[in-house]
Protein backbone atom coordinates (compact mmCIF):
# COMPACT_ATOMS: atom_id res chain seq x y z
CA MET A 1 87.33 92.64 66.95
CA LEU A 2 87.52 89.07 68.08
CA VAL A 3 84.11 87.66 69.10
CA LEU A 4 83.97 84.61 71.35
CA ALA A 5 81.17 82.60 72.89
CA ARG A 6 81.71 81.44 76.47
CA LYS A 7 79.50 79.70 78.99
CA LYS A 8 79.27 80.27 82.73
CA GLY A 9 82.55 79.14 84.30
CA GLU A 10 84.51 79.35 81.06
CA SER A 11 87.25 81.91 80.49
CA ILE A 12 89.57 83.55 78.02
CA ILE A 13 93.25 84.43 78.44
CA ILE A 14 94.68 87.74 77.28
CA GLY A 15 98.43 87.62 76.92
CA ASP A 16 100.08 85.48 79.53
CA GLN A 17 98.73 87.11 82.65
CA ILE A 18 95.10 88.22 82.24
CA GLU A 19 92.15 85.84 82.59
CA VAL A 20 88.55 86.84 82.08
CA VAL A 21 86.00 84.37 83.53
CA VAL A 22 82.23 84.35 82.84
CA LEU A 23 80.73 84.23 86.36
CA GLY A 24 77.09 84.31 85.36
CA VAL A 25 74.42 85.55 83.01
CA GLU A 26 71.25 87.18 84.41
CA GLY A 27 68.92 88.39 81.72
CA ASP A 28 70.93 90.80 79.53
CA VAL A 29 73.69 91.21 82.15
CA VAL A 30 76.90 89.21 81.98
CA LYS A 31 79.04 89.10 85.09
CA LEU A 32 82.76 88.79 84.47
CA GLY A 33 85.67 88.14 86.80
CA ILE A 34 89.02 89.48 85.79
CA GLN A 35 92.35 88.26 87.15
CA ALA A 36 95.26 90.48 86.26
CA PRO A 37 98.54 91.57 87.80
CA LYS A 38 98.28 94.44 90.26
CA ASN A 39 100.20 96.77 87.87
CA VAL A 40 97.51 96.38 85.20
CA GLN A 41 94.60 98.74 85.57
CA VAL A 42 91.15 97.29 84.94
CA ASN A 43 88.33 99.78 84.54
CA ARG A 44 84.85 99.84 83.06
CA LYS A 45 84.99 101.76 79.75
CA GLU A 46 82.91 104.70 81.04
CA ILE A 47 85.27 105.14 83.97
CA TYR A 48 88.30 104.86 81.75
CA GLU A 49 86.86 107.48 79.37
CA ALA A 50 86.08 109.85 82.36
CA ILE A 51 89.69 109.52 83.60
CA ARG A 52 91.08 110.09 80.15
CA GLN A 53 88.90 113.18 79.66
CA ASN A 54 89.86 114.61 83.09
CA ASN A 55 93.52 114.06 82.33
CA GLN A 56 93.22 115.72 78.95
CA GLU A 57 91.46 118.76 80.47
CA ALA A 58 94.00 118.99 83.32
CA SER A 59 96.90 118.94 80.79
CA THR A 60 95.52 121.95 78.91
CA GLN A 61 94.95 124.17 81.98
CA ILE A 62 97.44 126.75 83.18
CA PRO A 63 98.62 125.79 86.63
CA ASP A 64 97.78 128.14 89.52
CA MET A 65 101.28 128.71 90.93
CA GLU A 66 99.97 130.13 94.21
CA LYS A 67 97.97 126.97 94.90
CA LEU A 68 100.93 124.79 93.88
CA ASN A 69 103.29 126.69 96.15
CA LYS A 70 100.88 126.32 99.09
CA LEU A 71 100.54 122.61 98.33
CA TYR A 72 104.31 122.17 98.48
CA GLY A 73 104.79 124.55 101.39
CA LYS A 74 106.91 127.01 99.36
CA LYS A 75 106.82 130.76 99.75
CA GLU A 76 106.13 132.71 96.59
CA HIS A 77 109.17 134.48 95.15
CA LEU A 78 108.70 137.93 93.62
């Protein structure tokens, strides 16, 4: 892990297109601004982990074909 010290208004660059700026420090809370291309997802870690967990659970479930057919407007074939 790379550890850097930055002051308010200073930033770091990740790759060529992502900039993280320290916007402020209030007590033990650091406010960051992140500039990244629209195709790069930026999430808080707890949100990222929840999405990953939901995707993992969804990938192990057996699909309900009746619900899928209704969703796509198809009639069930017997």
